Amino acid sequence: MAVFRHVKTRAAMGKLSCRPRTLYRQIRYEAAKQMNMAKLQVCLDVFAEFDIFSFETREEELEIYDLNRKGKADINGSKILKRLFAALSA
Protein backbone atom coordinates (compact mmCIF):
# COMPACT_ATOMS: atom_id res chain seq x y z
CA MET A 1 0.00 0.00 0.00
CA ALA A 2 2.88 2.38 0.75
CA VAL A 3 4.28 2.01 -2.78
CA PHE A 4 0.86 2.60 -4.31
CA ARG A 5 0.23 5.68 -2.20
CA HIS A 6 3.67 7.14 -2.88
CA VAL A 7 3.41 6.76 -6.65
CA LYS A 8 -0.18 8.03 -6.78
CA THR A 9 0.64 11.19 -4.85
CA ARG A 10 3.88 11.98 -6.64
CA ALA A 11 3.20 11.04 -10.24
CA ALA A 12 3.12 14.27 -12.22
CA MET A 13 0.87 13.94 -15.24
CA GLY A 14 0.70 10.19 -14.71
CA LYS A 15 4.46 9.59 -14.54
CA LEU A 16 7.02 9.32 -11.76
CA SER A 17 10.73 9.30 -12.66
CA CYS A 18 13.41 8.64 -10.10
CA ARG A 19 16.29 6.40 -9.18
CA PRO A 20 15.06 3.07 -7.76
CA ARG A 21 17.26 3.37 -4.69
CA THR A 22 15.88 6.84 -3.95
CA LEU A 23 12.32 5.61 -4.35
CA TYR A 24 12.52 2.71 -1.94
CA ARG A 25 14.30 4.87 0.63
CA GLN A 26 11.60 7.54 0.40
CA ILE A 27 8.88 4.94 0.82
CA ARG A 28 10.70 3.34 3.74
CA TYR A 29 11.01 6.73 5.46
CA GLU A 30 7.42 7.86 4.80
CA ALA A 31 5.72 4.60 5.72
CA ALA A 32 8.11 3.65 8.53
CA LYS A 33 8.08 0.11 7.14
CA GLN A 34 10.73 -2.25 5.91
CA MET A 35 11.44 -1.60 2.24
CA ASN A 36 14.29 -2.65 -0.02
CA MET A 37 14.90 -3.04 -3.74
CA ALA A 38 13.51 -6.57 -3.85
CA LYS A 39 10.26 -5.60 -2.14
CA LEU A 40 9.90 -2.56 -4.37
CA GLN A 41 10.38 -4.72 -7.47
CA VAL A 42 7.77 -7.24 -6.31
CA CYS A 43 5.28 -4.44 -5.62
CA LEU A 44 5.84 -2.92 -9.05
CA ASP A 45 5.54 -6.33 -10.74
CA VAL A 46 2.23 -7.03 -8.96
CA PHE A 47 0.87 -3.57 -9.84
CA ALA A 48 1.88 -4.15 -13.46
CA GLU A 49 0.18 -7.57 -13.41
CA PHE A 50 -3.11 -5.84 -12.53
CA ASP A 51 -2.59 -2.89 -14.93
CA ILE A 52 -2.39 -0.41 -12.07
CA PHE A 53 1.07 0.89 -12.98
CA SER A 54 3.51 0.10 -15.73
CA PHE A 55 7.20 0.76 -15.39
CA GLU A 56 10.49 0.63 -17.19
CA THR A 57 14.09 1.19 -16.30
CA ARG A 58 16.21 3.43 -18.46
CA GLU A 59 19.85 3.47 -17.50
CA GLU A 60 19.62 4.28 -13.78
CA GLU A 61 16.16 5.91 -13.93
CA LEU A 62 12.95 4.14 -13.07
CA GLU A 63 9.88 5.45 -14.85
CA ILE A 64 6.52 4.49 -13.40
CA TYR A 65 3.32 5.25 -15.28
CA ASP A 66 -0.01 5.51 -13.48
CA LEU A 67 -2.52 3.69 -15.70
CA ASN A 68 -5.50 5.25 -13.88
CA ARG A 69 -7.18 1.92 -13.30
CA LYS A 70 -10.76 2.33 -12.15
CA GLY A 71 -12.08 0.28 -9.26
CA LYS A 72 -10.23 -1.91 -6.81
CA ALA A 73 -7.96 -4.82 -7.60
CA ASP A 74 -7.69 -7.89 -5.40
CA ILE A 75 -3.95 -8.43 -5.47
CA ASN A 76 -4.33 -11.53 -3.29
CA GLY A 77 -5.08 -13.30 -6.57
CA SER A 78 -1.68 -12.32 -7.98
CA LYS A 79 0.16 -15.12 -9.78
CA ILE A 80 3.45 -13.47 -8.81
CA LEU A 81 2.59 -13.46 -5.11
CA LYS A 82 1.32 -17.05 -5.26
CA ARG A 83 4.63 -18.21 -6.78
CA LEU A 84 6.62 -16.30 -4.15
CA PHE A 85 4.58 -17.72 -1.26
CA ALA A 86 4.89 -21.23 -2.73
CA ALA A 87 8.66 -20.83 -2.98
CA LEU A 88 8.85 -19.59 0.61
CA SER A 89 6.87 -22.51 1.97
CA ALA A 90 8.84 -25.13 0.01
PDB file of N, CA and C in Angstrom:
ATOM      1  N   MET A   1       0.813  -1.189   0.000  1.00  0.00           N
ATOM      2  CA  MET A   1       0.000   0.000   0.000  1.00  0.00           C
ATOM      3  C   MET A   1       0.859   1.256   0.000  1.00  0.00           C
ATOM      4  N   ALA A   2       2.010   1.207   0.671  1.00  0.00           N
ATOM      5  CA  ALA A   2       2.880   2.379   0.751  1.00  0.00           C
ATOM      6  C   ALA A   2       3.425   2.747  -0.630  1.00  0.00           C
ATOM      7  N   VAL A   3       3.764   1.744  -1.426  1.00  0.00           N
ATOM      8  CA  VAL A   3       4.282   2.014  -2.775  1.00  0.00           C
ATOM      9  C   VAL A   3       3.181   2.640  -3.621  1.00  0.00           C
ATOM     10  N   PHE A   4       2.000   2.075  -3.559  1.00  0.00           N
ATOM     11  CA  PHE A   4       0.862   2.596  -4.309  1.00  0.00           C
ATOM     12  C   PHE A   4       0.607   4.056  -3.949  1.00  0.00           C
ATOM     13  N   ARG A   5       0.518   4.323  -2.668  1.00  0.00           N
ATOM     14  CA  ARG A   5       0.229   5.678  -2.197  1.00  0.00           C
ATOM     15  C   ARG A   5       1.311   6.665  -2.634  1.00  0.00           C
ATOM     16  N   HIS A   6       2.559   6.254  -2.517  1.00  0.00           N
ATOM     17  CA  HIS A   6       3.671   7.137  -2.880  1.00  0.00           C
ATOM     18  C   HIS A   6       3.615   7.497  -4.367  1.00  0.00           C
ATOM     19  N   VAL A   7       3.441   6.499  -5.204  1.00  0.00           N
ATOM     20  CA  VAL A   7       3.409   6.756  -6.649  1.00  0.00           C
ATOM     21  C   VAL A   7       2.201   7.610  -7.009  1.00  0.00           C
ATOM     22  N   LYS A   8       1.041   7.276  -6.469  1.00  0.00           N
ATOM     23  CA  LYS A   8      -0.177   8.031  -6.783  1.00  0.00           C
ATOM     24  C   LYS A   8      -0.046   9.504  -6.423  1.00  0.00           C
ATOM     25  N   THR A   9       0.558   9.794  -5.285  1.00  0.00           N
ATOM     26  CA  THR A   9       0.636  11.191  -4.845  1.00  0.00           C
ATOM     27  C   THR A   9       1.756  11.964  -5.528  1.00  0.00           C
ATOM     28  N   ARG A  10       2.738  11.270  -6.066  1.00  0.00           N
ATOM     29  CA  ARG A  10       3.879  11.976  -6.641  1.00  0.00           C
ATOM     30  C   ARG A  10       3.976  11.912  -8.161  1.00  0.00           C
ATOM     31  N   ALA A  11       3.158  11.139  -8.784  1.00  0.00           N
ATOM     32  CA  ALA A  11       3.204  11.037 -10.244  1.00  0.00           C
ATOM     33  C   ALA A  11       2.669  12.325 -10.861  1.00  0.00           C
ATOM     34  N   ALA A  12       3.522  13.033 -11.548  1.00  0.00           N
ATOM     35  CA  ALA A  12       3.121  14.271 -12.223  1.00  0.00           C
ATOM     36  C   ALA A  12       2.674  13.915 -13.632  1.00  0.00           C
ATOM     37  N   MET A  13       1.450  14.248 -13.931  1.00  0.00           N
ATOM     38  CA  MET A  13       0.870  13.945 -15.238  1.00  0.00           C
ATOM     39  C   MET A  13       0.974  12.444 -15.557  1.00  0.00           C
ATOM     40  N   GLY A  14       0.748  11.639 -14.523  1.00  0.00           N
ATOM     41  CA  GLY A  14       0.704  10.192 -14.706  1.00  0.00           C
ATOM     42  C   GLY A  14       2.047   9.503 -14.773  1.00  0.00           C
ATOM     43  N   LYS A  15       3.134  10.199 -14.437  1.00  0.00           N
ATOM     44  CA  LYS A  15       4.460   9.594 -14.540  1.00  0.00           C
ATOM     45  C   LYS A  15       5.338  10.016 -13.370  1.00  0.00           C
ATOM     46  N   LEU A  16       6.061   9.049 -12.820  1.00  0.00           N
ATOM     47  CA  LEU A  16       7.024   9.318 -11.761  1.00  0.00           C
ATOM     48  C   LEU A  16       8.374   8.804 -12.236  1.00  0.00           C
ATOM     49  N   SER A  17       9.366   9.675 -12.268  1.00  0.00           N
ATOM     50  CA  SER A  17      10.734   9.300 -12.665  1.00  0.00           C
ATOM     51  C   SER A  17      11.669   9.525 -11.494  1.00  0.00           C
ATOM     52  N   CYS A  18      12.442   8.514 -11.180  1.00  0.00           N
ATOM     53  CA  CYS A  18      13.413   8.638 -10.098  1.00  0.00           C
ATOM     54  C   CYS A  18      14.371   7.452 -10.147  1.00  0.00           C
ATOM     55  N   ARG A  19      15.378   7.527  -9.316  1.00  0.00           N
ATOM     56  CA  ARG A  19      16.292   6.396  -9.180  1.00  0.00           C
ATOM     57  C   ARG A  19      15.625   5.372  -8.263  1.00  0.00           C
ATOM     58  N   PRO A  20      15.714   4.092  -8.589  1.00  0.00           N
ATOM     59  CA  PRO A  20      15.057   3.065  -7.757  1.00  0.00           C
ATOM     60  C   PRO A  20      15.485   3.125  -6.296  1.00  0.00           C
ATOM     61  N   ARG A  21      16.755   3.327  -6.065  1.00  0.00           N
ATOM     62  CA  ARG A  21      17.263   3.374  -4.694  1.00  0.00           C
ATOM     63  C   ARG A  21      16.643   4.539  -3.914  1.00  0.00           C
ATOM     64  N   THR A  22      16.495   5.672  -4.572  1.00  0.00           N
ATOM     65  CA  THR A  22      15.880   6.838  -3.949  1.00  0.00           C
ATOM     66  C   THR A  22      14.421   6.549  -3.619  1.00  0.00           C
ATOM     67  N   LEU A  23      13.732   5.909  -4.544  1.00  0.00           N
ATOM     68  CA  LEU A  23      12.316   5.612  -4.351  1.00  0.00           C
ATOM     69  C   LEU A  23      12.077   4.713  -3.149  1.00  0.00           C
ATOM     70  N   TYR A  24      12.792   3.611  -3.061  1.00  0.00           N
ATOM     71  CA  TYR A  24      12.518   2.708  -1.940  1.00  0.00           C
ATOM     72  C   TYR A  24      12.921   3.341  -0.615  1.00  0.00           C
ATOM     73  N   ARG A  25      13.927   4.186  -0.612  1.00  0.00           N
ATOM     74  CA  ARG A  25      14.301   4.874   0.631  1.00  0.00           C
ATOM     75  C   ARG A  25      13.230   5.888   1.046  1.00  0.00           C
ATOM     76  N   GLN A  26      12.665   6.598   0.090  1.00  0.00           N
ATOM     77  CA  GLN A  26      11.598   7.544   0.401  1.00  0.00           C
ATOM     78  C   GLN A  26      10.386   6.812   0.975  1.00  0.00           C
ATOM     79  N   ILE A  27      10.031   5.713   0.360  1.00  0.00           N
ATOM     80  CA  ILE A  27       8.876   4.939   0.824  1.00  0.00           C
ATOM     81  C   ILE A  27       9.145   4.385   2.219  1.00  0.00           C
ATOM     82  N   ARG A  28      10.340   3.876   2.431  1.00  0.00           N
ATOM     83  CA  ARG A  28      10.704   3.341   3.745  1.00  0.00           C
ATOM     84  C   ARG A  28      10.597   4.428   4.820  1.00  0.00           C
ATOM     85  N   TYR A  29      11.062   5.616   4.508  1.00  0.00           N
ATOM     86  CA  TYR A  29      11.010   6.732   5.456  1.00  0.00           C
ATOM     87  C   TYR A  29       9.568   7.176   5.724  1.00  0.00           C
ATOM     88  N   GLU A  30       8.798   7.365   4.656  1.00  0.00           N
ATOM     89  CA  GLU A  30       7.419   7.857   4.803  1.00  0.00           C
ATOM     90  C   GLU A  30       6.516   6.868   5.528  1.00  0.00           C
ATOM     91  N   ALA A  31       6.633   5.614   5.174  1.00  0.00           N
ATOM     92  CA  ALA A  31       5.723   4.604   5.719  1.00  0.00           C
ATOM     93  C   ALA A  31       6.238   3.989   7.018  1.00  0.00           C
ATOM     94  N   ALA A  32       7.491   4.257   7.347  1.00  0.00           N
ATOM     95  CA  ALA A  32       8.113   3.650   8.529  1.00  0.00           C
ATOM     96  C   ALA A  32       7.955   2.134   8.505  1.00  0.00           C
ATOM     97  N   LYS A  33       8.174   1.563   7.319  1.00  0.00           N
ATOM     98  CA  LYS A  33       8.081   0.114   7.141  1.00  0.00           C
ATOM     99  C   LYS A  33       9.347  -0.373   6.454  1.00  0.00           C
ATOM    100  N   GLN A  34       9.584  -1.663   6.580  1.00  0.00           N
ATOM    101  CA  GLN A  34      10.734  -2.250   5.911  1.00  0.00           C
ATOM    102  C   GLN A  34      10.528  -2.198   4.400  1.00  0.00           C
ATOM    103  N   MET A  35      11.501  -1.660   3.697  1.00  0.00           N
ATOM    104  CA  MET A  35      11.436  -1.602   2.237  1.00  0.00           C
ATOM    105  C   MET A  35      12.857  -1.739   1.717  1.00  0.00           C
ATOM    106  N   ASN A  36      13.004  -2.517   0.660  1.00  0.00           N
ATOM    107  CA  ASN A  36      14.286  -2.646  -0.019  1.00  0.00           C
ATOM    108  C   ASN A  36      14.025  -2.809  -1.505  1.00  0.00           C
ATOM    109  N   MET A  37      15.075  -2.946  -2.287  1.00  0.00           N
ATOM    110  CA  MET A  37      14.903  -3.038  -3.743  1.00  0.00           C
ATOM    111  C   MET A  37      14.059  -4.244  -4.146  1.00  0.00           C
ATOM    112  N   ALA A  38      14.262  -5.362  -3.496  1.00  0.00           N
ATOM    113  CA  ALA A  38      13.511  -6.567  -3.853  1.00  0.00           C
ATOM    114  C   ALA A  38      12.015  -6.386  -3.596  1.00  0.00           C
ATOM    115  N   LYS A  39      11.672  -5.830  -2.459  1.00  0.00           N
ATOM    116  CA  LYS A  39      10.260  -5.601  -2.139  1.00  0.00           C
ATOM    117  C   LYS A  39       9.641  -4.587  -3.097  1.00  0.00           C
ATOM    118  N   LEU A  40      10.397  -3.556  -3.410  1.00  0.00           N
ATOM    119  CA  LEU A  40       9.902  -2.563  -4.369  1.00  0.00           C
ATOM    120  C   LEU A  40       9.628  -3.216  -5.713  1.00  0.00           C
ATOM    121  N   GLN A  41      10.546  -4.057  -6.175  1.00  0.00           N
ATOM    122  CA  GLN A  41      10.383  -4.724  -7.467  1.00  0.00           C
ATOM    123  C   GLN A  41       9.161  -5.632  -7.467  1.00  0.00           C
ATOM    124  N   VAL A  42       8.945  -6.366  -6.390  1.00  0.00           N
ATOM    125  CA  VAL A  42       7.768  -7.243  -6.306  1.00  0.00           C
ATOM    126  C   VAL A  42       6.489  -6.406  -6.352  1.00  0.00           C
ATOM    127  N   CYS A  43       6.467  -5.311  -5.610  1.00  0.00           N
ATOM    128  CA  CYS A  43       5.281  -4.436  -5.623  1.00  0.00           C
ATOM    129  C   CYS A  43       4.999  -3.927  -7.030  1.00  0.00           C
ATOM    130  N   LEU A  44       6.027  -3.449  -7.701  1.00  0.00           N
ATOM    131  CA  LEU A  44       5.837  -2.920  -9.054  1.00  0.00           C
ATOM    132  C   LEU A  44       5.385  -4.015 -10.022  1.00  0.00           C
ATOM    133  N   ASP A  45       5.949  -5.212  -9.879  1.00  0.00           N
ATOM    134  CA  ASP A  45       5.538  -6.331 -10.736  1.00  0.00           C
ATOM    135  C   ASP A  45       4.067  -6.684 -10.520  1.00  0.00           C
ATOM    136  N   VAL A  46       3.639  -6.701  -9.266  1.00  0.00           N
ATOM    137  CA  VAL A  46       2.231  -7.026  -8.961  1.00  0.00           C
ATOM    138  C   VAL A  46       1.316  -5.928  -9.498  1.00  0.00           C
ATOM    139  N   PHE A  47       1.685  -4.675  -9.307  1.00  0.00           N
ATOM    140  CA  PHE A  47       0.871  -3.574  -9.837  1.00  0.00           C
ATOM    141  C   PHE A  47       0.801  -3.636 -11.364  1.00  0.00           C
ATOM    142  N   ALA A  48       1.888  -4.013 -11.994  1.00  0.00           N
ATOM    143  CA  ALA A  48       1.883  -4.152 -13.459  1.00  0.00           C
ATOM    144  C   ALA A  48       1.000  -5.324 -13.882  1.00  0.00           C
ATOM    145  N   GLU A  49       1.019  -6.402 -13.114  1.00  0.00           N
ATOM    146  CA  GLU A  49       0.180  -7.570 -13.409  1.00  0.00           C
ATOM    147  C   GLU A  49      -1.298  -7.190 -13.451  1.00  0.00           C
ATOM    148  N   PHE A  50      -1.702  -6.254 -12.609  1.00  0.00           N
ATOM    149  CA  PHE A  50      -3.107  -5.836 -12.530  1.00  0.00           C
ATOM    150  C   PHE A  50      -3.381  -4.531 -13.288  1.00  0.00           C
ATOM    151  N   ASP A  51      -2.440  -4.112 -14.119  1.00  0.00           N
ATOM    152  CA  ASP A  51      -2.589  -2.889 -14.927  1.00  0.00           C
ATOM    153  C   ASP A  51      -2.893  -1.660 -14.080  1.00  0.00           C
ATOM    154  N   ILE A  52      -2.262  -1.584 -12.926  1.00  0.00           N
ATOM    155  CA  ILE A  52      -2.389  -0.411 -12.071  1.00  0.00           C
ATOM    156  C   ILE A  52      -1.299   0.592 -12.440  1.00  0.00           C
ATOM    157  N   PHE A  53      -0.068   0.104 -12.523  1.00  0.00           N
ATOM    158  CA  PHE A  53       1.074   0.887 -12.980  1.00  0.00           C
ATOM    159  C   PHE A  53       1.819   0.069 -14.021  1.00  0.00           C
ATOM    160  N   SER A  54       2.509   0.756 -14.895  1.00  0.00           N
ATOM    161  CA  SER A  54       3.505   0.101 -15.730  1.00  0.00           C
ATOM    162  C   SER A  54       4.817   0.799 -15.409  1.00  0.00           C
ATOM    163  N   PHE A  55       5.907   0.145 -15.717  1.00  0.00           N
ATOM    164  CA  PHE A  55       7.195   0.758 -15.389  1.00  0.00           C
ATOM    165  C   PHE A  55       8.259   0.249 -16.335  1.00  0.00           C
ATOM    166  N   GLU A  56       9.322   1.036 -16.420  1.00  0.00           N
ATOM    167  CA  GLU A  56      10.487   0.633 -17.189  1.00  0.00           C
ATOM    168  C   GLU A  56      11.716   1.292 -16.582  1.00  0.00           C
ATOM    169  N   THR A  57      12.832   0.651 -16.792  1.00  0.00           N
ATOM    170  CA  THR A  57      14.092   1.191 -16.299  1.00  0.00           C
ATOM    171  C   THR A  57      14.911   1.641 -17.500  1.00  0.00           C
ATOM    172  N   ARG A  58      15.361   2.868 -17.419  1.00  0.00           N
ATOM    173  CA  ARG A  58      16.212   3.431 -18.464  1.00  0.00           C
ATOM    174  C   ARG A  58      17.492   3.902 -17.806  1.00  0.00           C
ATOM    175  N   GLU A  59      18.565   3.229 -18.144  1.00  0.00           N
ATOM    176  CA  GLU A  59      19.850   3.467 -17.497  1.00  0.00           C
ATOM    177  C   GLU A  59      19.655   3.334 -15.995  1.00  0.00           C
ATOM    178  N   GLU A  60      19.807   4.385 -15.229  1.00  0.00           N
ATOM    179  CA  GLU A  60      19.623   4.281 -13.782  1.00  0.00           C
ATOM    180  C   GLU A  60      18.340   4.949 -13.324  1.00  0.00           C
ATOM    181  N   GLU A  61      17.450   5.278 -14.238  1.00  0.00           N
ATOM    182  CA  GLU A  61      16.162   5.908 -13.927  1.00  0.00           C
ATOM    183  C   GLU A  61      15.039   4.890 -14.013  1.00  0.00           C
ATOM    184  N   LEU A  62      14.155   4.951 -13.065  1.00  0.00           N
ATOM    185  CA  LEU A  62      12.947   4.143 -13.071  1.00  0.00           C
ATOM    186  C   LEU A  62      11.797   5.063 -13.449  1.00  0.00           C
ATOM    187  N   GLU A  63      11.047   4.672 -14.445  1.00  0.00           N
ATOM    188  CA  GLU A  63       9.880   5.454 -14.851  1.00  0.00           C
ATOM    189  C   GLU A  63       8.640   4.623 -14.583  1.00  0.00           C
ATOM    190  N   ILE A  64       7.764   5.174 -13.763  1.00  0.00           N
ATOM    191  CA  ILE A  64       6.521   4.491 -13.396  1.00  0.00           C
ATOM    192  C   ILE A  64       5.363   5.295 -13.965  1.00  0.00           C
ATOM    193  N   TYR A  65       4.469   4.608 -14.647  1.00  0.00           N
ATOM    194  CA  TYR A  65       3.321   5.253 -15.276  1.00  0.00           C
ATOM    195  C   TYR A  65       2.047   4.815 -14.566  1.00  0.00           C
ATOM    196  N   ASP A  66       1.273   5.772 -14.125  1.00  0.00           N
ATOM    197  CA  ASP A  66      -0.011   5.508 -13.484  1.00  0.00           C
ATOM    198  C   ASP A  66      -1.032   5.258 -14.586  1.00  0.00           C
ATOM    199  N   LEU A  67      -1.588   4.060 -14.636  1.00  0.00           N
ATOM    200  CA  LEU A  67      -2.517   3.689 -15.704  1.00  0.00           C
ATOM    201  C   LEU A  67      -3.962   4.076 -15.383  1.00  0.00           C
ATOM    202  N   ASN A  68      -4.173   4.767 -14.276  1.00  0.00           N
ATOM    203  CA  ASN A  68      -5.501   5.246 -13.878  1.00  0.00           C
ATOM    204  C   ASN A  68      -6.562   4.156 -13.918  1.00  0.00           C
ATOM    205  N   ARG A  69      -6.228   3.024 -13.363  1.00  0.00           N
ATOM    206  CA  ARG A  69      -7.181   1.916 -13.299  1.00  0.00           C
ATOM    207  C   ARG A  69      -8.360   2.321 -12.442  1.00  0.00           C
ATOM    208  N   LYS A  70      -9.536   2.019 -12.892  1.00  0.00           N
ATOM    209  CA  LYS A  70     -10.756   2.329 -12.145  1.00  0.00           C
ATOM    210  C   LYS A  70     -11.151   1.118 -11.311  1.00  0.00           C
ATOM    211  N   GLY A  71     -11.642   1.369 -10.132  1.00  0.00           N
ATOM    212  CA  GLY A  71     -12.079   0.284  -9.258  1.00  0.00           C
ATOM    213  C   GLY A  71     -10.916  -0.307  -8.483  1.00  0.00           C
ATOM    214  N   LYS A  72     -11.232  -1.271  -7.655  1.00  0.00           N
ATOM    215  CA  LYS A  72     -10.233  -1.910  -6.813  1.00  0.00           C
ATOM    216  C   LYS A  72      -9.748  -3.199  -7.459  1.00  0.00           C
ATOM    217  N   ALA A  73      -8.534  -3.566  -7.115  1.00  0.00           N
ATOM    218  CA  ALA A  73      -7.960  -4.820  -7.597  1.00  0.00           C
ATOM    219  C   ALA A  73      -7.655  -5.691  -6.391  1.00  0.00           C
ATOM    220  N   ASP A  74      -7.995  -6.951  -6.468  1.00  0.00           N
ATOM    221  CA  ASP A  74      -7.689  -7.890  -5.397  1.00  0.00           C
ATOM    222  C   ASP A  74      -6.344  -8.532  -5.701  1.00  0.00           C
ATOM    223  N   ILE A  75      -5.283  -7.928  -5.163  1.00  0.00           N
ATOM    224  CA  ILE A  75      -3.951  -8.431  -5.475  1.00  0.00           C
ATOM    225  C   ILE A  75      -3.643  -9.756  -4.786  1.00  0.00           C
ATOM    226  N   ASN A  76      -4.522 -10.206  -3.899  1.00  0.00           N
ATOM    227  CA  ASN A  76      -4.330 -11.526  -3.292  1.00  0.00           C
ATOM    228  C   ASN A  76      -4.401 -12.625  -4.341  1.00  0.00           C
ATOM    229  N   GLY A  77      -5.004 -12.337  -5.483  1.00  0.00           N
ATOM    230  CA  GLY A  77      -5.078 -13.304  -6.572  1.00  0.00           C
ATOM    231  C   GLY A  77      -3.884 -13.239  -7.507  1.00  0.00           C
ATOM    232  N   SER A  78      -2.859 -12.505  -7.143  1.00  0.00           N
ATOM    233  CA  SER A  78      -1.678 -12.321  -7.981  1.00  0.00           C
ATOM    234  C   SER A  78      -0.924 -13.634  -8.202  1.00  0.00           C
ATOM    235  N   LYS A  79      -0.637 -13.934  -9.448  1.00  0.00           N
ATOM    236  CA  LYS A  79       0.162 -15.117  -9.777  1.00  0.00           C
ATOM    237  C   LYS A  79       1.587 -14.960  -9.255  1.00  0.00           C
ATOM    238  N   ILE A  80       2.090 -13.742  -9.305  1.00  0.00           N
ATOM    239  CA  ILE A  80       3.446 -13.466  -8.811  1.00  0.00           C
ATOM    240  C   ILE A  80       3.533 -13.749  -7.320  1.00  0.00           C
ATOM    241  N   LEU A  81       2.578 -13.230  -6.558  1.00  0.00           N
ATOM    242  CA  LEU A  81       2.591 -13.460  -5.112  1.00  0.00           C
ATOM    243  C   LEU A  81       2.391 -14.938  -4.772  1.00  0.00           C
ATOM    244  N   LYS A  82       1.540 -15.613  -5.507  1.00  0.00           N
ATOM    245  CA  LYS A  82       1.324 -17.047  -5.263  1.00  0.00           C
ATOM    246  C   LYS A  82       2.611 -17.832  -5.465  1.00  0.00           C
ATOM    247  N   ARG A  83       3.361 -17.509  -6.536  1.00  0.00           N
ATOM    248  CA  ARG A  83       4.633 -18.209  -6.777  1.00  0.00           C
ATOM    249  C   ARG A  83       5.638 -17.896  -5.674  1.00  0.00           C
ATOM    250  N   LEU A  84       5.689 -16.654  -5.214  1.00  0.00           N
ATOM    251  CA  LEU A  84       6.621 -16.303  -4.145  1.00  0.00           C
ATOM    252  C   LEU A  84       6.275 -17.022  -2.847  1.00  0.00           C
ATOM    253  N   PHE A  85       4.997 -17.041  -2.481  1.00  0.00           N
ATOM    254  CA  PHE A  85       4.585 -17.720  -1.263  1.00  0.00           C
ATOM    255  C   PHE A  85       4.835 -19.222  -1.360  1.00  0.00           C
ATOM    256  N   ALA A  86       4.621 -19.795  -2.543  1.00  0.00           N
ATOM    257  CA  ALA A  86       4.890 -21.225  -2.729  1.00  0.00           C
ATOM    258  C   ALA A  86       6.382 -21.513  -2.569  1.00  0.00           C
ATOM    259  N   ALA A  87       7.211 -20.643  -3.101  1.00  0.00           N
ATOM    260  CA  ALA A  87       8.657 -20.833  -2.981  1.00  0.00           C
ATOM    261  C   ALA A  87       9.114 -20.687  -1.528  1.00  0.00           C
ATOM    262  N   LEU A  88       8.489 -19.781  -0.788  1.00  0.00           N
ATOM    263  CA  LEU A  88       8.850 -19.586   0.608  1.00  0.00           C
ATOM    264  C   LEU A  88       8.448 -20.765   1.484  1.00  0.00           C
ATOM    265  N   SER A  89       7.353 -21.397   1.138  1.00  0.00           N
ATOM    266  CA  SER A  89       6.867 -22.507   1.972  1.00  0.00           C
ATOM    267  C   SER A  89       7.468 -23.851   1.554  1.00  0.00           C
ATOM    268  N   ALA A  90       8.243 -23.862   0.485  1.00  0.00           N
ATOM    269  CA  ALA A  90       8.845 -25.129   0.014  1.00  0.00           C
ATOM    270  C   ALA A  90      10.074 -25.485   0.801  1.00  0.00           C
TER     271      ALA A  90
END
